Amino acid sequence: MPWLLVASPSSSGPPLGPGSSHPLVAQVQARLAQDGLLVGAPSGVFDAATTEAVRAFQAQMQLDETG
């Protein structure tokens, strides 16, 4: 089932991307794993595998593959 993450400019959380380490990254990783796009347990670190899984998700949703 499709899912959506929304960040607002007023969000108090940090920007998430390659190299980020944050509990929100673990939540995204868990969802990517649930959808079969990421293998392994969530680490909370936005690593190369996470970037590829995000790109795969973006491709499925016909979004720009920015990672």
Protein backbone atom coordinates (compact mmCIF):
# COMPACT_ATOMS: atom_id res chain seq x y z
CA MET A 1 0.00 0.00 0.00
CA PRO A 2 1.37 3.47 -0.86
CA TRP A 3 2.53 5.70 1.93
CA LEU A 4 3.53 9.31 2.25
CA LEU A 5 6.06 11.17 4.35
CA VAL A 6 5.51 14.87 4.67
CA ALA A 7 7.99 17.35 6.05
CA SER A 8 7.05 20.93 6.60
CA PRO A 9 9.44 23.87 6.69
CA SER A 10 8.40 24.43 10.30
CA SER A 11 9.29 20.85 11.26
CA SER A 12 11.65 20.67 14.20
CA GLY A 13 13.35 17.52 12.91
CA PRO A 14 16.60 17.49 10.99
CA PRO A 15 16.72 17.07 7.23
CA LEU A 16 17.12 13.40 6.39
CA GLY A 17 19.35 12.11 3.64
CA PRO A 18 22.49 10.10 2.99
CA GLY A 19 24.69 10.11 6.08
CA SER A 20 21.87 11.12 8.44
CA SER A 21 21.45 9.29 11.71
CA HIS A 22 18.07 9.74 13.41
CA PRO A 23 15.18 7.69 14.82
CA LEU A 24 13.02 8.88 11.90
CA VAL A 25 15.44 7.16 9.53
CA ALA A 26 14.77 3.89 11.36
CA GLN A 27 11.02 4.42 10.88
CA VAL A 28 11.49 4.98 7.15
CA GLN A 29 13.76 1.94 6.94
CA ALA A 30 11.17 -0.20 8.72
CA ARG A 31 8.51 0.82 6.21
CA LEU A 32 10.84 0.24 3.26
CA ALA A 33 11.60 -3.23 4.66
CA GLN A 34 7.87 -3.90 5.13
CA ASP A 35 7.36 -3.08 1.46
CA GLY A 36 10.20 -5.44 0.47
CA LEU A 37 12.49 -2.64 -0.70
CA LEU A 38 15.11 -2.88 2.06
CA VAL A 39 16.66 -6.01 3.54
CA GLY A 40 17.74 -6.11 7.16
CA ALA A 41 16.83 -4.49 10.44
CA PRO A 42 16.45 -0.71 10.68
CA SER A 43 19.69 0.88 11.85
CA GLY A 44 18.66 4.54 11.99
CA VAL A 45 21.54 5.42 9.65
CA PHE A 46 20.70 6.64 6.13
CA ASP A 47 23.25 4.47 4.32
CA ALA A 48 23.73 3.39 0.70
CA ALA A 49 21.17 0.56 1.04
CA THR A 50 18.60 3.03 2.36
CA THR A 51 19.31 5.41 -0.52
CA GLU A 52 18.75 2.63 -3.04
CA ALA A 53 15.55 1.53 -1.31
CA VAL A 54 14.23 5.10 -1.33
CA ARG A 55 15.04 5.35 -5.03
CA ALA A 56 13.21 2.08 -5.67
CA PHE A 57 10.20 3.42 -3.78
CA GLN A 58 10.32 6.65 -5.76
CA ALA A 59 10.44 4.68 -9.02
CA GLN A 60 7.40 2.63 -7.95
CA MET A 61 5.51 5.84 -7.24
CA GLN A 62 6.71 7.40 -10.51
CA LEU A 63 8.55 10.16 -8.66
CA ASP A 64 11.92 11.68 -9.48
CA GLU A 65 14.54 9.25 -8.15
CA THR A 66 16.45 11.59 -5.87
CA GLY A 67 17.17 9.10 -3.10
